[in-house]
Amino acid sequence: MSSAAIIDGKAFAANLRQRVASAVEPFVTLTDRKPGLAVVLVGEDPASQVYVGSKKRATVEAGMNSFEHRLPTSVSQNELIALVETLNADAAVDGILVQLPLPPHIDDKAVIAAIDPAKDVDGFHVVNAGRLAVGEDAFVPCTPLGCLMLLKDHLGDLSGKNAVVIGRSNIVGKPMAQLLLAENCTVTIAHSRTQDLPEVVRRADIVVAAVGRAEMVTGDWLKAGAVVIDVGINRLEPEAGQGKGRLVGDVAFDDALARAGAITPVPGGVGPMTIACLLRNTLVAAYRRAGMSAPEGI
């Protein structure tokens, strides 16, 4: 039985990061400054600290300025929004990212709403979400943007493909569906209330799994030859004597290999694309704020 092609997100992301870095140099020459990304981290969440550290390293490696703001868990919502407004007004800052999740006493929607849409490189502001929905140019959340890049790299033209997105979050599911619609796919958004989910998935040429349930999608859910993008990242309980459980996606990878035409692995698939697309969005924001168009191919 043939085995699915492995879509190497790590290699694609490395190439994208290199293209971004190459486009930073002419920007600096033209404007006499580096593009700048400000990252705001509230509290001591270990996973968030790792993500913020990775984003800072990648930003600096691409030749951009990284502005890091670490605030205590006790910070008030008003204080956080005041910082965001300061960053909105800072000419050295092209992109603003407030690391989620925020502490329970802070309304993340209010904080995201305070970000200047022109600096909203996460693509979460309702203005950018609305622009995406009506087909206007917008900053798109980094994970679905990365998924789309991988799909187009593997398949080329997506027009007419039957696509199923499992998951309806504002961060991945909804924007992913909008991006696929814009590529002329026929799109179904499936979720926890979908009836006969396996049968819905089985009709899809493209499956994007983004539900956060370990290995939920099994091989028998898939149409033969389907292209599977696995957004999930879940850590299984460690076996006896093991330090950490292994990381798996929302798709049972080994099971899917025999059925799918192509699939992203976890780790090494979608994950690296998220930071690469964040750098890309920051660069685009910098060019736009300088009154210029970003170079082709970014």
Protein backbone atom coordinates (compact mmCIF):
# COMPACT_ATOMS: atom_id res chain seq x y z
CA MET A 1 0.00 0.00 0.00
CA SER A 2 1.38 3.41 -0.95
CA SER A 3 2.29 5.89 1.77
CA ALA A 4 1.36 9.56 1.88
CA ALA A 5 3.85 12.26 0.97
CA ILE A 6 5.12 14.15 4.02
CA ILE A 7 4.60 17.92 3.77
CA ASP A 8 7.74 19.41 5.33
CA GLY A 9 6.59 22.57 7.08
CA LYS A 10 9.95 22.99 8.76
CA ALA A 11 11.78 23.29 5.44
CA PHE A 12 9.13 25.58 3.90
CA ALA A 13 9.19 27.82 6.99
CA ALA A 14 12.99 28.06 6.89
CA ASN A 15 12.77 29.15 3.25
CA LEU A 16 10.07 31.73 4.05
CA ARG A 17 12.12 33.12 6.92
CA GLN A 18 15.08 33.48 4.56
CA ARG A 19 12.92 35.32 2.00
CA VAL A 20 11.70 37.65 4.74
CA ALA A 21 15.26 38.33 5.91
CA SER A 22 16.30 39.11 2.33
CA ALA A 23 13.45 41.63 2.02
CA VAL A 24 14.39 43.31 5.33
CA GLU A 25 17.69 44.58 3.88
CA PRO A 26 16.19 46.81 1.15
CA PHE A 27 13.62 48.11 3.66
CA VAL A 28 16.42 49.23 5.98
CA THR A 29 18.22 50.87 3.05
CA LEU A 30 15.09 52.77 2.00
CA THR A 31 13.85 53.83 5.45
CA ASP A 32 17.02 53.86 7.57
CA ARG A 33 15.35 51.71 10.22
CA LYS A 34 14.59 48.06 10.90
CA PRO A 35 11.04 46.66 10.98
CA GLY A 36 9.96 46.21 14.61
CA LEU A 37 7.81 43.61 16.34
CA ALA A 38 6.55 44.23 19.87
CA VAL A 39 5.51 41.16 21.88
CA VAL A 40 3.60 41.55 25.13
CA LEU A 41 3.62 38.67 27.64
CA VAL A 42 1.46 38.79 30.76
CA GLY A 43 2.24 36.37 33.58
CA GLU A 44 4.43 33.29 33.90
CA ASP A 45 2.71 30.70 31.68
CA PRO A 46 5.55 28.31 30.74
CA ALA A 47 4.28 27.54 27.23
CA SER A 48 3.78 31.24 26.49
CA GLN A 49 7.31 31.99 27.69
CA VAL A 50 8.70 29.40 25.28
CA TYR A 51 6.66 30.84 22.39
CA VAL A 52 7.75 34.39 23.16
CA GLY A 53 11.40 33.32 23.34
CA SER A 54 11.11 31.60 19.96
CA LYS A 55 9.47 34.64 18.39
CA LYS A 56 12.18 36.94 19.72
CA ARG A 57 14.99 34.76 18.35
CA ALA A 58 13.32 34.46 14.95
CA THR A 59 12.68 38.21 14.76
CA VAL A 60 16.30 39.07 15.49
CA GLU A 61 17.58 36.39 13.07
CA ALA A 62 15.47 37.98 10.31
CA GLY A 63 17.18 41.33 10.91
CA MET A 64 14.25 42.99 12.66
CA ASN A 65 13.98 44.70 16.02
CA SER A 66 12.29 42.77 18.82
CA PHE A 67 10.60 44.75 21.59
CA GLU A 68 9.60 42.53 24.49
CA HIS A 69 7.26 43.68 27.25
CA ARG A 70 6.79 41.29 30.19
CA LEU A 71 4.07 42.22 32.65
CA PRO A 72 3.06 40.59 35.94
CA THR A 73 -0.12 38.49 36.19
CA SER A 74 -1.51 41.20 38.47
CA VAL A 75 -1.45 43.89 35.74
CA SER A 76 -4.84 45.52 35.24
CA GLN A 77 -6.71 45.50 31.95
CA ASN A 78 -6.45 49.29 31.77
CA GLU A 79 -2.68 49.15 32.26
CA LEU A 80 -2.33 46.55 29.52
CA ILE A 81 -4.48 48.55 27.09
CA ALA A 82 -2.44 51.68 27.94
CA LEU A 83 0.72 49.79 26.91
CA VAL A 84 -0.93 48.70 23.66
CA GLU A 85 -1.89 52.32 22.92
CA THR A 86 1.71 53.40 23.56
CA LEU A 87 2.91 50.76 21.08
CA ASN A 88 0.29 51.92 18.55
CA ALA A 89 1.87 55.38 18.68
CA ASP A 90 5.50 54.14 18.56
CA ALA A 91 6.96 54.75 15.09
CA ALA A 92 9.57 52.03 15.63
CA VAL A 93 6.87 49.36 16.10
CA ASP A 94 5.29 47.85 12.98
CA GLY A 95 3.65 44.80 14.55
CA ILE A 96 2.04 44.20 17.95
CA LEU A 97 1.42 40.74 19.35
CA VAL A 98 -0.23 40.21 22.73
CA GLN A 99 0.50 36.62 23.71
CA LEU A 100 -2.61 34.61 24.56
CA PRO A 101 -3.99 33.31 26.85
CA LEU A 102 -4.33 36.30 29.16
CA PRO A 103 -5.18 36.02 32.89
CA PRO A 104 -8.91 35.51 33.65
CA HIS A 105 -9.43 39.07 34.91
CA ILE A 106 -8.48 40.54 31.52
CA ASP A 107 -10.88 40.56 28.56
CA ASP A 108 -8.76 39.49 25.61
CA LYS A 109 -11.31 40.88 23.12
CA ALA A 110 -10.96 44.35 24.64
CA VAL A 111 -7.17 44.14 24.45
CA ILE A 112 -7.17 42.93 20.83
CA ALA A 113 -9.67 45.68 19.92
CA ALA A 114 -7.20 48.25 21.26
CA ILE A 115 -4.48 47.20 18.76
CA ASP A 116 -4.14 49.38 15.65
CA PRO A 117 -5.41 47.11 12.80
CA ALA A 118 -2.41 48.24 10.72
CA LYS A 119 -0.13 46.72 13.39
CA ASP A 120 -2.30 43.67 14.12
CA VAL A 121 0.15 41.08 12.75
CA ASP A 122 -1.75 38.29 14.53
CA GLY A 123 -4.80 39.11 12.38
CA PHE A 124 -7.22 38.87 15.33
CA HIS A 125 -8.71 42.39 15.23
CA VAL A 126 -12.34 42.48 14.05
CA VAL A 127 -11.35 44.91 11.28
CA ASN A 128 -8.91 42.39 9.81
CA ALA A 129 -11.37 39.53 10.36
CA GLY A 130 -14.04 41.55 8.56
CA ARG A 131 -11.75 42.44 5.67
CA LEU A 132 -10.85 38.78 5.25
CA ALA A 133 -14.53 37.81 5.31
CA VAL A 134 -15.49 40.22 2.52
CA GLY A 135 -12.42 39.49 0.40
CA GLU A 136 -10.42 42.64 1.07
CA ASP A 137 -6.71 42.76 1.82
CA ALA A 138 -6.18 41.92 5.50
CA PHE A 139 -3.70 40.62 8.01
CA VAL A 140 -4.53 36.94 8.37
CA PRO A 141 -3.86 34.87 11.51
CA CYS A 142 -0.47 33.23 11.13
CA THR A 143 -1.43 29.56 11.53
CA PRO A 144 -4.13 29.41 8.82
CA LEU A 145 -1.96 31.55 6.54
CA GLY A 146 0.83 29.00 6.96
CA CYS A 147 -1.59 26.15 6.26
CA LEU A 148 -2.69 27.81 3.03
CA MET A 149 0.91 28.30 1.91
CA LEU A 150 1.64 24.59 2.47
CA LEU A 151 -1.49 23.57 0.58
CA LYS A 152 -0.73 25.78 -2.41
CA ASP A 153 2.89 24.66 -2.46
CA HIS A 154 1.80 21.00 -2.61
CA LEU A 155 -1.34 21.23 -4.77
CA GLY A 156 -0.89 24.40 -6.80
CA ASP A 157 -4.36 25.62 -7.81
CA LEU A 158 -6.95 24.79 -5.14
CA SER A 159 -9.94 25.84 -7.27
CA GLY A 160 -12.85 23.41 -7.10
CA LYS A 161 -11.39 21.29 -4.32
CA ASN A 162 -13.75 20.04 -1.61
CA ALA A 163 -12.28 21.22 1.70
CA VAL A 164 -13.34 20.36 5.25
CA VAL A 165 -12.08 22.43 8.18
CA ILE A 166 -12.59 20.65 11.50
CA GLY A 167 -12.80 23.36 14.15
CA ARG A 168 -14.44 26.80 14.20
CA SER A 169 -12.13 28.94 16.34
CA ASN A 170 -11.49 32.57 15.48
CA ILE A 171 -7.75 31.82 15.47
CA VAL A 172 -7.71 28.92 12.98
CA GLY A 173 -11.02 27.43 11.86
CA LYS A 174 -12.96 30.48 10.67
CA PRO A 175 -10.07 32.30 8.95
CA MET A 176 -8.92 29.01 7.37
CA ALA A 177 -12.37 28.57 5.85
CA GLN A 178 -12.32 32.15 4.51
CA LEU A 179 -8.89 31.63 2.93
CA LEU A 180 -10.03 28.42 1.24
CA LEU A 181 -13.18 30.13 -0.04
CA ALA A 182 -11.01 32.85 -1.54
CA GLU A 183 -9.09 30.09 -3.38
CA ASN A 184 -12.41 28.88 -4.85
CA CYS A 185 -12.70 25.73 -2.75
CA THR A 186 -16.05 24.33 -1.68
CA VAL A 187 -15.74 24.63 2.08
CA THR A 188 -17.42 22.86 4.99
CA ILE A 189 -16.73 23.94 8.58
CA ALA A 190 -17.22 20.94 10.84
CA HIS A 191 -17.21 21.00 14.64
CA SER A 192 -18.29 19.15 17.80
CA ARG A 193 -22.00 19.32 16.86
CA THR A 194 -21.54 18.07 13.29
CA GLN A 195 -23.58 14.95 12.62
CA ASP A 196 -21.68 11.94 11.23
CA LEU A 197 -18.38 13.80 11.21
CA PRO A 198 -16.40 10.89 9.68
CA GLU A 199 -18.70 10.84 6.66
CA VAL A 200 -18.39 14.62 6.22
CA VAL A 201 -14.58 14.37 6.35
CA ARG A 202 -14.58 11.41 3.94
CA ARG A 203 -15.87 13.65 1.11
CA ALA A 204 -12.94 16.08 1.37
CA ASP A 205 -10.01 16.51 -1.00
CA ILE A 206 -8.46 18.78 1.66
CA VAL A 207 -8.79 18.22 5.42
CA VAL A 208 -7.61 20.83 7.93
CA ALA A 209 -7.83 19.41 11.47
CA ALA A 210 -7.82 22.06 14.21
CA VAL A 211 -9.83 20.78 17.17
CA GLY A 212 -7.21 20.08 19.85
CA ARG A 213 -8.18 16.43 20.38
CA ALA A 214 -5.31 13.98 20.14
CA GLU A 215 -5.48 11.64 17.14
CA MET A 216 -9.23 12.13 16.71
CA VAL A 217 -9.17 11.82 12.91
CA THR A 218 -8.34 8.24 11.93
CA GLY A 219 -7.35 6.87 8.55
CA ASP A 220 -10.80 5.48 7.77
CA TRP A 221 -12.23 9.04 7.98
CA LEU A 222 -10.18 10.06 4.95
CA LYS A 223 -10.88 9.96 1.25
CA ALA A 224 -8.10 8.12 -0.58
CA GLY A 225 -5.52 10.67 -1.69
CA ALA A 226 -6.78 13.51 0.51
CA VAL A 227 -4.31 16.20 1.56
CA VAL A 228 -4.30 16.50 5.34
CA ILE A 229 -3.11 19.57 7.26
CA ASP A 230 -2.85 18.75 10.97
CA VAL A 231 -2.93 21.91 13.10
CA GLY A 232 -3.29 20.08 16.42
CA ILE A 233 -0.48 19.75 18.94
CA ASN A 234 -1.28 17.55 21.91
CA ARG A 235 1.00 15.93 24.46
CA LEU A 236 0.02 12.39 25.41
CA GLU A 237 0.36 11.08 28.94
CA PRO A 238 3.88 9.67 29.38
CA GLU A 239 4.33 5.94 29.58
CA ALA A 240 5.68 4.48 32.82
CA GLY A 241 9.27 5.56 33.35
CA GLN A 242 9.13 8.16 30.58
CA GLY A 243 9.73 11.84 31.33
CA LYS A 244 7.36 13.47 28.85
CA GLY A 245 4.60 12.05 26.71
CA ARG A 246 5.08 12.35 22.95
CA LEU A 247 3.55 15.12 20.88
CA VAL A 248 0.80 14.16 18.46
CA GLY A 249 -1.63 16.02 16.24
CA ASP A 250 -5.39 15.84 15.83
CA VAL A 251 -4.87 13.16 13.16
CA ALA A 252 -3.71 9.61 13.88
CA PHE A 253 -0.60 10.03 11.76
CA ASP A 254 0.49 6.42 11.19
CA ASP A 255 -3.09 5.42 10.46
CA ALA A 256 -3.55 8.27 8.00
CA LEU A 257 -0.29 7.61 6.13
CA ALA A 258 -1.74 4.64 4.27
CA ARG A 259 -4.82 6.55 3.14
CA ALA A 260 -3.90 10.20 2.57
CA GLY A 261 -2.12 11.56 -0.48
CA ALA A 262 -0.08 13.96 1.66
CA ILE A 263 0.02 14.96 5.32
CA THR A 264 1.81 17.34 7.67
CA PRO A 265 3.65 15.71 10.58
CA VAL A 266 3.45 16.80 14.22
CA PRO A 267 5.87 18.23 15.15
CA GLY A 268 7.55 19.71 12.06
CA GLY A 269 4.47 20.52 9.98
CA VAL A 270 2.28 23.54 10.68
CA GLY A 271 4.08 24.68 13.86
CA PRO A 272 7.18 26.21 12.24
CA MET A 273 4.97 28.03 9.73
CA THR A 274 3.26 30.08 12.44
CA ILE A 275 6.37 32.03 13.44
CA ALA A 276 7.54 32.34 9.82
CA CYS A 277 4.17 33.89 8.89
CA LEU A 278 4.37 36.23 11.88
CA LEU A 279 7.69 37.55 10.52
CA ARG A 280 6.11 37.84 7.07
CA ASN A 281 3.14 39.81 8.43
CA THR A 282 5.45 42.13 10.39
CA LEU A 283 7.52 42.84 7.28
CA VAL A 284 4.38 43.54 5.22
CA ALA A 285 3.12 45.89 7.97
CA ALA A 286 6.44 47.75 7.93
CA TYR A 287 6.38 48.25 4.16
CA ARG A 288 2.75 49.40 4.24
CA ARG A 289 3.39 51.86 7.06
CA ALA A 290 6.27 53.28 4.97
CA GLY A 291 3.88 53.74 2.02
CA MET A 292 5.42 50.92 -0.01
CA SER A 293 4.34 47.51 -1.27
CA ALA A 294 6.08 44.46 0.14
CA PRO A 295 8.30 42.59 -2.35
CA GLU A 296 6.72 39.81 -4.44
CA GLY A 297 7.01 36.32 -3.06
CA ILE A 298 6.65 37.27 0.61
